[in-house]
Every structure is written in C-alpha cells, then in structure tokens.
Amino acid sequence: MKRILSVAFVLLITAVVAQAGTIHGKVTGAKGQSVVYIDAIAGKTFPAPAQHAAMDQKGLMFVPHILVVLKGTTVDFKNEDSVEHNVFWPSISGNKSLGHNMGTWPTGQQRSFKFDTTGIVPLLCNVHPDMYGYIIVSPTPYYATTDKTGAFTIANVPNGAYSVTAWNERDKMRTHTVQVTVNGDVTATIPLK
C-alpha cells in the first residue's frame, strides 16, 4: 500500500511539474535592479507565507534596498544601527490612505507589519531623510528581481497567458503579455523606456 501511494505521489508531482514553464527575460532601458511579477493567475489564490520577511536598518540604509514579498507577508523591520530609526511609507502605489508610520525605535529592537495590499511601498525614515527603500507586494508568488544586466527568470509558471509587470525605482511600471506553454521556456523583453 505504501509503495502504491509513493508511486501515485511521484506521478502527481511529475504531472504538476509537466504543466509548468519558465519565463526568461530581460528588462531594458532601466538602471539598477528591477522587479518582475505575474499580476494574476485565474482561479488561483495564494496563502500568505508563515515565515516572515526581513527589512533591516543597517548602516543608515534599508537592507535590502528592494524587498519583494507575496501579499499577506509579515515583514520584520529590525534596527541594527546604533541610532534610533523610524519607518514609514506615505502611500502604497500612490494611495495615500494606505500610508503608515510604524514609529521610532532604538537599536536591537524590531517591529512587524503584515502587508495585505499589493503594490509599491516606498519606505522612509523620519530621523534620517536620506534613507529610503522599497517593498514590492506581489499578488502572486511568481516574481523575480533582475540581475545587473536586467535578466530574470520566473520558474514553474502554470501554462497560460499572463500579464507580467516590470517595475524599477527610476522608471514607470510596464506590463507585457506572455504565453507560457507546457514544459516551455518563454522569452520576454520588457522595455521600461
């Protein structure tokens, strides 16, 4: 019986993987790191991860400078500097009613926030006006950050047609349509200028 269940499980996993493809691409016309994500997968919802993400405050910077999380993720904001920090965002994707101020706290402490709204979250510090960073809250777990050349890979994408959004802190967001096929690799170039 155990052997039959094991074989059935392997066949199920093989069937699921066989229904997926990979998006390879490049974001062009932008300097620095960009974020690319699939906007939606029809009929699918994605549970929030149990594990928290971390946005550190270290060396008078937000580290990492850009953090991508799935909608519903809790982010721990840690102060690893020897000075107090404040974390706030004036809006999420321009919606000022979603702005929030987490307050100011000393070294060694952290505060957490659950991001239930998708979009671009520009992070600032009231104590150190030169500090800024970003959290990108993705609607799906299918996202990637680009390397220095703009290249990205999003693996295990179910087959179908999707809108893929690219974002860069210096440029506007752009959306590109891709068609992922069974066991197929798709190449997409997303110009930001």
Protein backbone atom coordinates (compact mmCIF):
# COMPACT_ATOMS: atom_id res chain seq x y z
CA MET A 1 0.00 0.00 0.00
CA LYS A 2 2.80 2.42 0.89
CA ARG A 3 4.50 1.66 -2.40
CA ILE A 4 1.32 2.39 -4.38
CA LEU A 5 0.89 5.71 -2.54
CA SER A 6 4.53 6.61 -3.17
CA VAL A 7 4.21 5.90 -6.89
CA ALA A 8 0.96 7.87 -7.06
CA PHE A 9 2.61 10.83 -5.30
CA VAL A 10 5.57 10.80 -7.73
CA LEU A 11 3.20 10.66 -10.71
CA LEU A 12 1.17 13.56 -9.31
CA ILE A 13 4.26 15.70 -8.76
CA THR A 14 5.53 14.83 -12.25
CA ALA A 15 2.18 15.82 -13.76
CA VAL A 16 2.16 19.16 -11.91
CA VAL A 17 5.74 19.98 -12.92
CA ALA A 18 4.99 18.91 -16.52
CA GLN A 19 2.22 21.56 -16.60
CA ALA A 20 4.66 24.39 -15.88
CA GLY A 21 7.02 26.52 -17.91
CA THR A 22 9.70 29.10 -17.29
CA ILE A 23 9.78 32.77 -18.22
CA HIS A 24 13.27 34.02 -19.08
CA GLY A 25 13.52 37.68 -19.80
CA LYS A 26 15.25 40.98 -19.70
CA VAL A 27 14.14 44.39 -18.53
CA THR A 28 15.69 47.02 -20.78
CA GLY A 29 16.04 50.79 -20.55
CA ALA A 30 16.42 50.85 -16.76
CA LYS A 31 19.42 51.20 -14.49
CA GLY A 32 19.72 49.16 -11.31
CA GLN A 33 17.64 46.30 -10.05
CA SER A 34 14.10 45.84 -11.34
CA VAL A 35 11.27 43.63 -10.11
CA VAL A 36 9.13 41.47 -12.41
CA TYR A 37 5.95 39.67 -11.34
CA ILE A 38 2.90 37.94 -12.77
CA ASP A 39 -0.20 40.02 -11.99
CA ALA A 40 -2.71 37.18 -11.55
CA ILE A 41 -3.36 33.51 -12.24
CA ALA A 42 -7.04 32.97 -13.00
CA GLY A 43 -8.86 30.91 -10.39
CA LYS A 44 -5.89 30.76 -8.00
CA THR A 45 -5.35 32.33 -4.63
CA PHE A 46 -2.12 32.13 -2.71
CA PRO A 47 -1.91 31.75 1.07
CA ALA A 48 0.33 34.12 2.97
CA PRO A 49 3.64 32.56 3.94
CA ALA A 50 4.08 31.65 7.59
CA GLN A 51 7.71 32.76 7.57
CA HIS A 52 8.32 36.48 8.00
CA ALA A 53 10.46 38.51 5.63
CA ALA A 54 13.09 40.91 6.99
CA MET A 55 13.89 44.52 6.15
CA ASP A 56 16.89 45.62 8.19
CA GLN A 57 18.03 49.11 9.02
CA LYS A 58 21.79 48.90 8.91
CA GLY A 59 24.49 51.41 8.03
CA LEU A 60 21.79 54.10 7.76
CA MET A 61 20.20 52.17 4.89
CA PHE A 62 17.27 49.86 4.36
CA VAL A 63 18.73 46.41 3.65
CA PRO A 64 17.85 45.04 1.19
CA HIS A 65 17.15 48.23 -0.74
CA ILE A 66 14.31 46.43 -2.58
CA LEU A 67 12.37 43.59 -0.97
CA VAL A 68 9.70 41.59 -2.84
CA VAL A 69 7.06 39.74 -0.83
CA LEU A 70 3.81 37.92 -1.52
CA LYS A 71 0.59 39.65 -0.47
CA GLY A 72 -0.16 38.77 3.16
CA THR A 73 3.51 38.51 4.19
CA THR A 74 4.57 39.92 7.55
CA VAL A 75 7.79 41.93 7.35
CA ASP A 76 10.03 42.36 10.40
CA PHE A 77 11.76 45.75 10.47
CA LYS A 78 14.96 45.38 12.50
CA ASN A 79 17.10 48.25 13.76
CA GLU A 80 20.69 47.03 13.62
CA ASP A 81 22.23 50.53 13.83
CA SER A 82 23.48 52.24 16.98
CA VAL A 83 20.96 55.06 16.47
CA GLU A 84 17.17 55.23 16.56
CA HIS A 85 15.22 54.76 13.34
CA ASN A 86 11.71 55.45 12.17
CA VAL A 87 9.92 53.56 9.40
CA PHE A 88 7.00 54.99 7.47
CA TRP A 89 5.51 54.93 4.00
CA PRO A 90 3.40 57.80 2.65
CA SER A 91 1.34 55.53 0.37
CA ILE A 92 1.09 52.16 -1.35
CA SER A 93 1.16 52.59 -5.12
CA GLY A 94 0.18 56.24 -4.68
CA ASN A 95 -2.84 55.55 -2.44
CA LYS A 96 -2.18 57.90 0.49
CA SER A 97 -4.93 56.33 2.61
CA LEU A 98 -2.66 53.25 2.85
CA GLY A 99 0.26 55.23 4.28
CA HIS A 100 1.51 54.15 7.69
CA ASN A 101 4.01 55.29 10.33
CA MET A 102 5.48 52.50 12.46
CA GLY A 103 7.11 54.94 14.87
CA THR A 104 10.68 55.23 16.11
CA TRP A 105 12.63 52.57 18.00
CA PRO A 106 16.16 52.05 19.33
CA THR A 107 18.91 49.68 18.26
CA GLY A 108 18.33 45.98 18.71
CA GLN A 109 14.55 46.18 18.51
CA GLN A 110 12.17 45.30 15.72
CA ARG A 111 8.60 45.96 14.70
CA SER A 112 6.47 43.95 12.31
CA PHE A 113 3.79 44.76 9.76
CA LYS A 114 1.59 42.50 7.62
CA PHE A 115 1.23 43.72 4.02
CA ASP A 116 -2.28 42.82 2.82
CA THR A 117 -2.38 45.25 -0.11
CA THR A 118 -0.45 44.70 -3.33
CA GLY A 119 1.67 47.47 -4.74
CA ILE A 120 4.78 49.57 -4.35
CA VAL A 121 5.65 50.60 -0.79
CA PRO A 122 8.23 53.44 -0.64
CA LEU A 123 9.99 53.22 2.75
CA LEU A 124 11.33 56.32 4.50
CA CYS A 125 12.85 57.25 7.86
CA ASN A 126 11.81 60.49 9.62
CA VAL A 127 15.05 60.50 11.60
CA HIS A 128 17.35 60.07 8.57
CA PRO A 129 15.82 61.70 5.45
CA ASP A 130 18.47 60.15 3.15
CA MET A 131 17.26 56.64 3.99
CA TYR A 132 14.84 55.08 1.55
CA GLY A 133 13.96 51.64 0.25
CA TYR A 134 11.07 49.75 -1.30
CA ILE A 135 8.84 46.80 -0.61
CA ILE A 136 7.04 45.38 -3.62
CA VAL A 137 3.97 43.41 -2.55
CA SER A 138 3.25 40.90 -5.32
CA PRO A 139 -0.20 39.41 -5.94
CA THR A 140 1.35 36.04 -6.86
CA PRO A 141 4.39 34.02 -5.78
CA TYR A 142 5.66 34.25 -9.36
CA TYR A 143 8.16 37.09 -9.17
CA ALA A 144 11.84 37.80 -9.61
CA THR A 145 14.40 40.54 -9.20
CA THR A 146 16.70 41.22 -12.09
CA ASP A 147 20.45 40.89 -12.06
CA LYS A 148 22.71 43.83 -13.01
CA THR A 149 22.12 43.21 -16.72
CA GLY A 150 18.32 43.23 -16.34
CA ALA A 151 17.95 39.45 -16.76
CA PHE A 152 15.38 37.50 -14.78
CA THR A 153 13.85 34.01 -14.55
CA ILE A 154 10.46 33.02 -13.16
CA ALA A 155 10.22 29.22 -12.93
CA ASN A 156 7.36 26.73 -12.52
CA VAL A 157 4.73 29.03 -14.03
CA PRO A 158 1.48 27.22 -14.87
CA ASN A 159 0.72 27.25 -18.59
CA GLY A 160 -1.49 30.10 -19.75
CA ALA A 161 -1.46 33.72 -20.87
CA TYR A 162 -0.36 36.26 -18.27
CA SER A 163 0.29 39.93 -17.75
CA VAL A 164 3.80 40.38 -16.41
CA THR A 165 4.65 43.69 -14.75
CA ALA A 166 8.13 45.17 -14.51
CA TRP A 167 8.98 47.91 -12.00
CA ASN A 168 12.13 49.96 -11.44
CA GLU A 169 12.53 52.76 -8.90
CA ARG A 170 13.71 55.19 -11.59
CA ASP A 171 11.07 54.41 -14.22
CA LYS A 172 7.38 53.73 -14.59
CA MET A 173 5.88 50.26 -14.41
CA ARG A 174 5.25 48.43 -17.66
CA THR A 175 3.11 45.40 -18.38
CA HIS A 176 3.88 42.78 -21.01
CA THR A 177 1.78 39.77 -22.04
CA VAL A 178 3.40 36.33 -22.17
CA GLN A 179 2.10 32.89 -23.14
CA VAL A 180 3.53 30.03 -21.09
CA THR A 181 3.18 26.54 -22.56
CA VAL A 182 3.61 23.09 -21.06
CA ASN A 183 7.31 22.40 -20.48
CA GLY A 184 8.03 25.55 -22.45
CA ASP A 185 10.50 28.31 -21.98
CA VAL A 186 9.25 31.77 -22.86
CA THR A 187 11.50 34.71 -23.59
CA ALA A 188 10.20 38.20 -22.80
CA THR A 189 11.83 41.59 -23.21
CA ILE A 190 10.17 44.35 -21.20
CA PRO A 191 11.28 47.88 -22.12
CA LEU A 192 10.86 50.45 -19.36
CA LYS A 193 11.60 53.44 -21.59
